[in-house]
PDB file of all heavy atoms in Angstrom:
ATOM      1  N   ILE A   1      30.919  38.562 -75.242  1.00  0.00           N
ATOM      2  CA  ILE A   1      31.501  38.271 -73.920  1.00  0.00           C
ATOM      3  C   ILE A   1      30.562  38.736 -72.813  1.00  0.00           C
ATOM      4  O   ILE A   1      30.353  38.065 -71.803  1.00  0.00           O
ATOM      5  CB  ILE A   1      32.889  38.941 -73.789  1.00  0.00           C
ATOM      6  CG1 ILE A   1      33.871  38.349 -74.772  1.00  0.00           C
ATOM      7  CG2 ILE A   1      33.416  38.814 -72.347  1.00  0.00           C
ATOM      8  CD1 ILE A   1      35.177  39.103 -74.831  1.00  0.00           C
ATOM      9  N   ILE A   2      29.965  39.914 -72.971  1.00  0.00           N
ATOM     10  CA  ILE A   2      29.061  40.457 -71.970  1.00  0.00           C
ATOM     11  C   ILE A   2      27.874  39.473 -71.793  1.00  0.00           C
ATOM     12  O   ILE A   2      27.487  39.137 -70.650  1.00  0.00           O
ATOM     13  CB  ILE A   2      28.533  41.825 -72.348  1.00  0.00           C
ATOM     14  CG1 ILE A   2      29.679  42.855 -72.244  1.00  0.00           C
ATOM     15  CG2 ILE A   2      27.353  42.255 -71.475  1.00  0.00           C
ATOM     16  CD1 ILE A   2      29.377  44.191 -72.889  1.00  0.00           C
ATOM     17  N   GLU A   3      27.313  39.016 -72.852  1.00  0.00           N
ATOM     18  CA  GLU A   3      26.183  38.082 -72.785  1.00  0.00           C
ATOM     19  C   GLU A   3      26.601  36.776 -72.194  1.00  0.00           C
ATOM     20  O   GLU A   3      25.827  36.126 -71.428  1.00  0.00           O
ATOM     21  CB  GLU A   3      25.535  37.879 -74.140  1.00  0.00           C
ATOM     22  CG  GLU A   3      24.801  39.134 -74.658  1.00  0.00           C
ATOM     23  CD  GLU A   3      23.813  39.659 -73.621  1.00  0.00           C
ATOM     24  OE1 GLU A   3      22.931  38.883 -73.181  1.00  0.00           O
ATOM     25  OE2 GLU A   3      23.932  40.842 -73.207  1.00  0.00           O
ATOM     26  N   ALA A   4      27.822  36.306 -72.475  1.00  0.00           N
ATOM     27  CA  ALA A   4      28.301  35.036 -71.866  1.00  0.00           C
ATOM     28  C   ALA A   4      28.431  35.213 -70.367  1.00  0.00           C
ATOM     29  O   ALA A   4      28.011  34.278 -69.627  1.00  0.00           O
ATOM     30  CB  ALA A   4      29.664  34.705 -72.497  1.00  0.00           C
ATOM     31  N   VAL A   5      28.952  36.302 -69.887  1.00  0.00           N
ATOM     32  CA  VAL A   5      29.087  36.542 -68.442  1.00  0.00           C
ATOM     33  C   VAL A   5      27.680  36.582 -67.815  1.00  0.00           C
ATOM     34  O   VAL A   5      27.471  35.904 -66.763  1.00  0.00           O
ATOM     35  CB  VAL A   5      29.817  37.880 -68.209  1.00  0.00           C
ATOM     36  CG1 VAL A   5      29.746  38.246 -66.706  1.00  0.00           C
ATOM     37  CG2 VAL A   5      31.267  37.798 -68.604  1.00  0.00           C
ATOM     38  N   ARG A   6      26.761  37.263 -68.383  1.00  0.00           N
ATOM     39  CA  ARG A   6      25.407  37.349 -67.828  1.00  0.00           C
ATOM     40  C   ARG A   6      24.760  35.945 -67.761  1.00  0.00           C
ATOM     41  O   ARG A   6      24.151  35.561 -66.746  1.00  0.00           O
ATOM     42  CB  ARG A   6      24.536  38.291 -68.652  1.00  0.00           C
ATOM     43  CG  ARG A   6      25.022  39.720 -68.613  1.00  0.00           C
ATOM     44  CD  ARG A   6      24.214  40.606 -69.577  1.00  0.00           C
ATOM     45  NE  ARG A   6      22.888  40.852 -69.043  1.00  0.00           N
ATOM     46  CZ  ARG A   6      21.896  41.371 -69.744  1.00  0.00           C
ATOM     47  NH1 ARG A   6      22.103  41.649 -71.009  1.00  0.00           N
ATOM     48  NH2 ARG A   6      20.726  41.547 -69.208  1.00  0.00           N
ATOM     49  N   GLU A   7      24.864  35.170 -68.830  1.00  0.00           N
ATOM     50  CA  GLU A   7      24.230  33.906 -68.893  1.00  0.00           C
ATOM     51  C   GLU A   7      24.897  32.845 -67.961  1.00  0.00           C
ATOM     52  O   GLU A   7      24.194  32.093 -67.285  1.00  0.00           O
ATOM     53  CB  GLU A   7      24.245  33.391 -70.322  1.00  0.00           C
ATOM     54  CG  GLU A   7      23.296  34.191 -71.238  1.00  0.00           C
ATOM     55  CD  GLU A   7      23.502  33.885 -72.713  1.00  0.00           C
ATOM     56  OE1 GLU A   7      24.254  32.928 -73.039  1.00  0.00           O
ATOM     57  OE2 GLU A   7      22.903  34.582 -73.553  1.00  0.00           O
ATOM     58  N   VAL A   8      26.224  32.896 -67.882  1.00  0.00           N
ATOM     59  CA  VAL A   8      26.879  31.958 -66.967  1.00  0.00           C
ATOM     60  C   VAL A   8      26.615  32.318 -65.520  1.00  0.00           C
ATOM     61  O   VAL A   8      26.380  31.468 -64.686  1.00  0.00           O
ATOM     62  CB  VAL A   8      28.431  31.986 -67.242  1.00  0.00           C
ATOM     63  CG1 VAL A   8      29.160  31.278 -66.082  1.00  0.00           C
ATOM     64  CG2 VAL A   8      28.734  31.328 -68.572  1.00  0.00           C
ATOM     65  N   ALA A   9      26.539  33.615 -65.192  1.00  0.00           N
ATOM     66  CA  ALA A   9      26.206  34.021 -63.828  1.00  0.00           C
ATOM     67  C   ALA A   9      24.789  33.564 -63.471  1.00  0.00           C
ATOM     68  O   ALA A   9      24.538  33.098 -62.335  1.00  0.00           O
ATOM     69  CB  ALA A   9      26.346  35.547 -63.676  1.00  0.00           C
ATOM     70  N   ALA A  10      23.856  33.705 -64.402  1.00  0.00           N
ATOM     71  CA  ALA A  10      22.477  33.295 -64.148  1.00  0.00           C
ATOM     72  C   ALA A  10      22.369  31.801 -63.964  1.00  0.00           C
ATOM     73  O   ALA A  10      21.526  31.331 -63.153  1.00  0.00           O
ATOM     74  CB  ALA A  10      21.568  33.744 -65.283  1.00  0.00           C
ATOM     75  N   ALA A  11      23.193  31.032 -64.647  1.00  0.00           N
ATOM     76  CA  ALA A  11      23.090  29.563 -64.585  1.00  0.00           C
ATOM     77  C   ALA A  11      23.915  28.959 -63.446  1.00  0.00           C
ATOM     78  O   ALA A  11      23.451  27.973 -62.799  1.00  0.00           O
ATOM     79  CB  ALA A  11      23.577  28.975 -65.882  1.00  0.00           C
ATOM     80  N   GLU A  12      25.073  29.526 -63.136  1.00  0.00           N
ATOM     81  CA  GLU A  12      26.004  28.850 -62.218  1.00  0.00           C
ATOM     82  C   GLU A  12      26.232  29.566 -60.913  1.00  0.00           C
ATOM     83  O   GLU A  12      26.590  28.971 -59.913  1.00  0.00           O
ATOM     84  CB  GLU A  12      27.380  28.693 -62.928  1.00  0.00           C
ATOM     85  CG  GLU A  12      27.352  27.977 -64.242  1.00  0.00           C
ATOM     86  CD  GLU A  12      26.961  26.482 -64.096  1.00  0.00           C
ATOM     87  OE1 GLU A  12      26.865  25.988 -62.944  1.00  0.00           O
ATOM     88  OE2 GLU A  12      26.773  25.828 -65.154  1.00  0.00           O
ATOM     89  N   ILE A  13      26.028  30.922 -60.863  1.00  0.00           N
ATOM     90  CA  ILE A  13      26.356  31.699 -59.669  1.00  0.00           C
ATOM     91  C   ILE A  13      25.146  32.012 -58.889  1.00  0.00           C
ATOM     92  O   ILE A  13      25.030  31.721 -57.669  1.00  0.00           O
ATOM     93  CB  ILE A  13      27.143  32.978 -60.071  1.00  0.00           C
ATOM     94  CG1 ILE A  13      28.460  32.586 -60.730  1.00  0.00           C
ATOM     95  CG2 ILE A  13      27.369  33.846 -58.833  1.00  0.00           C
ATOM     96  CD1 ILE A  13      29.255  33.795 -61.255  1.00  0.00           C
ATOM     97  N   LEU A  14      24.164  32.715 -59.470  1.00  0.00           N
ATOM     98  CA  LEU A  14      22.970  33.139 -58.729  1.00  0.00           C
ATOM     99  C   LEU A  14      22.192  32.023 -58.065  1.00  0.00           C
ATOM    100  O   LEU A  14      21.796  32.126 -56.916  1.00  0.00           O
ATOM    101  CB  LEU A  14      22.075  33.937 -59.629  1.00  0.00           C
ATOM    102  CG  LEU A  14      22.420  35.422 -59.801  1.00  0.00           C
ATOM    103  CD1 LEU A  14      21.578  36.065 -60.863  1.00  0.00           C
ATOM    104  CD2 LEU A  14      22.227  36.170 -58.463  1.00  0.00           C
ATOM    105  N   PRO A  15      21.980  30.853 -58.704  1.00  0.00           N
ATOM    106  CA  PRO A  15      21.224  29.770 -58.033  1.00  0.00           C
ATOM    107  C   PRO A  15      21.903  29.268 -56.809  1.00  0.00           C
ATOM    108  O   PRO A  15      21.200  28.689 -55.923  1.00  0.00           O
ATOM    109  CB  PRO A  15      21.127  28.677 -59.147  1.00  0.00           C
ATOM    110  CG  PRO A  15      21.299  29.447 -60.425  1.00  0.00           C
ATOM    111  CD  PRO A  15      22.297  30.543 -60.134  1.00  0.00           C
ATOM    112  N   ARG A  16      23.211  29.379 -56.694  1.00  0.00           N
ATOM    113  CA  ARG A  16      23.948  28.839 -55.561  1.00  0.00           C
ATOM    114  C   ARG A  16      24.157  29.903 -54.434  1.00  0.00           C
ATOM    115  O   ARG A  16      24.606  29.583 -53.343  1.00  0.00           O
ATOM    116  CB  ARG A  16      25.274  28.304 -55.982  1.00  0.00           C
ATOM    117  CG  ARG A  16      25.202  27.089 -56.894  1.00  0.00           C
ATOM    118  CD  ARG A  16      26.593  26.578 -57.259  1.00  0.00           C
ATOM    119  NE  ARG A  16      26.578  25.345 -57.890  1.00  0.00           N
ATOM    120  CZ  ARG A  16      26.686  25.108 -59.279  1.00  0.00           C
ATOM    121  NH1 ARG A  16      26.805  26.193 -60.046  1.00  0.00           N
ATOM    122  NH2 ARG A  16      26.720  23.892 -59.752  1.00  0.00           N
ATOM    123  N   PHE A  17      23.807  31.152 -54.749  1.00  0.00           N
ATOM    124  CA  PHE A  17      24.024  32.209 -53.718  1.00  0.00           C
ATOM    125  C   PHE A  17      23.093  32.025 -52.558  1.00  0.00           C
ATOM    126  O   PHE A  17      21.879  31.854 -52.743  1.00  0.00           O
ATOM    127  CB  PHE A  17      23.806  33.620 -54.344  1.00  0.00           C
ATOM    128  CG  PHE A  17      24.053  34.738 -53.441  1.00  0.00           C
ATOM    129  CD1 PHE A  17      25.238  34.852 -52.723  1.00  0.00           C
ATOM    130  CD2 PHE A  17      23.106  35.736 -53.274  1.00  0.00           C
ATOM    131  CE1 PHE A  17      25.453  35.912 -51.836  1.00  0.00           C
ATOM    132  CE2 PHE A  17      23.333  36.841 -52.414  1.00  0.00           C
ATOM    133  CZ  PHE A  17      24.514  36.907 -51.703  1.00  0.00           C
ATOM    134  N   ARG A  18      23.632  31.955 -51.373  1.00  0.00           N
ATOM    135  CA  ARG A  18      22.890  31.651 -50.101  1.00  0.00           C
ATOM    136  C   ARG A  18      22.243  30.275 -50.189  1.00  0.00           C
ATOM    137  O   ARG A  18      21.287  30.004 -49.530  1.00  0.00           O
ATOM    138  CB  ARG A  18      21.859  32.736 -49.812  1.00  0.00           C
ATOM    139  CG  ARG A  18      22.523  34.102 -49.570  1.00  0.00           C
ATOM    140  CD  ARG A  18      21.463  35.176 -49.270  1.00  0.00           C
ATOM    141  NE  ARG A  18      22.159  36.481 -49.032  1.00  0.00           N
ATOM    142  CZ  ARG A  18      21.528  37.639 -48.971  1.00  0.00           C
ATOM    143  NH1 ARG A  18      20.224  37.676 -49.141  1.00  0.00           N
ATOM    144  NH2 ARG A  18      22.214  38.729 -48.759  1.00  0.00           N
ATOM    145  N   ASN A  19      22.833  29.354 -50.990  1.00  0.00           N
ATOM    146  CA  ASN A  19      22.264  28.043 -51.173  1.00  0.00           C
ATOM    147  C   ASN A  19      23.341  27.014 -51.298  1.00  0.00           C
ATOM    148  O   ASN A  19      23.141  25.956 -51.872  1.00  0.00           O
ATOM    149  CB  ASN A  19      21.387  28.073 -52.443  1.00  0.00           C
ATOM    150  CG  ASN A  19      20.457  26.879 -52.464  1.00  0.00           C
ATOM    151  OD1 ASN A  19      19.964  26.401 -51.462  1.00  0.00           O
ATOM    152  ND2 ASN A  19      20.197  26.370 -53.708  1.00  0.00           N
ATOM    153  N   LEU A  20      24.532  27.290 -50.765  1.00  0.00           N
ATOM    154  CA  LEU A  20      25.638  26.365 -50.799  1.00  0.00           C
ATOM    155  C   LEU A  20      25.444  25.236 -49.790  1.00  0.00           C
ATOM    156  O   LEU A  20      25.193  25.536 -48.610  1.00  0.00           O
ATOM    157  CB  LEU A  20      26.955  27.073 -50.630  1.00  0.00           C
ATOM    158  CG  LEU A  20      27.392  27.996 -51.773  1.00  0.00           C
ATOM    159  CD1 LEU A  20      28.544  28.891 -51.307  1.00  0.00           C
ATOM    160  CD2 LEU A  20      27.811  27.229 -52.980  1.00  0.00           C
ATOM    161  N   ALA A  21      25.696  24.021 -50.181  1.00  0.00           N
ATOM    162  CA  ALA A  21      25.538  22.915 -49.288  1.00  0.00           C
ATOM    163  C   ALA A  21      26.893  22.644 -48.558  1.00  0.00           C
ATOM    164  O   ALA A  21      27.948  23.151 -48.970  1.00  0.00           O
ATOM    165  CB  ALA A  21      25.126  21.678 -50.060  1.00  0.00           C
ATOM    166  N   ASP A  22      26.826  21.837 -47.521  1.00  0.00           N
ATOM    167  CA  ASP A  22      28.020  21.432 -46.833  1.00  0.00           C
ATOM    168  C   ASP A  22      28.974  20.721 -47.812  1.00  0.00           C
ATOM    169  O   ASP A  22      28.490  19.912 -48.624  1.00  0.00           O
ATOM    170  CB  ASP A  22      27.691  20.476 -45.677  1.00  0.00           C
ATOM    171  CG  ASP A  22      26.967  21.146 -44.540  1.00  0.00           C
ATOM    172  OD1 ASP A  22      26.977  22.372 -44.479  1.00  0.00           O
ATOM    173  OD2 ASP A  22      26.325  20.416 -43.743  1.00  0.00           O
ATOM    174  N   GLY A  23      30.229  21.064 -47.760  1.00  0.00           N
ATOM    175  CA  GLY A  23      31.183  20.436 -48.674  1.00  0.00           C
ATOM    176  C   GLY A  23      31.351  21.173 -49.997  1.00  0.00           C
ATOM    177  O   GLY A  23      32.133  20.737 -50.823  1.00  0.00           O
ATOM    178  N   GLU A  24      30.606  22.261 -50.201  1.00  0.00           N
ATOM    179  CA  GLU A  24      30.696  22.986 -51.481  1.00  0.00           C
ATOM    180  C   GLU A  24      31.563  24.242 -51.309  1.00  0.00           C
ATOM    181  O   GLU A  24      31.650  25.050 -52.287  1.00  0.00           O
ATOM    182  CB  GLU A  24      29.308  23.336 -51.956  1.00  0.00           C
ATOM    183  CG  GLU A  24      28.512  22.120 -52.416  1.00  0.00           C
ATOM    184  CD  GLU A  24      27.182  22.504 -53.054  1.00  0.00           C
ATOM    185  OE1 GLU A  24      26.648  23.589 -52.812  1.00  0.00           O
ATOM    186  OE2 GLU A  24      26.659  21.652 -53.868  1.00  0.00           O
TER     187      GLU A  24
END
């Protein structure tokens, strides 16, 4: 579970931080 959280955050959360587009 810990590794799943880390990997999902790296793939889905961090790349969008301060990078959200209009409408997101």
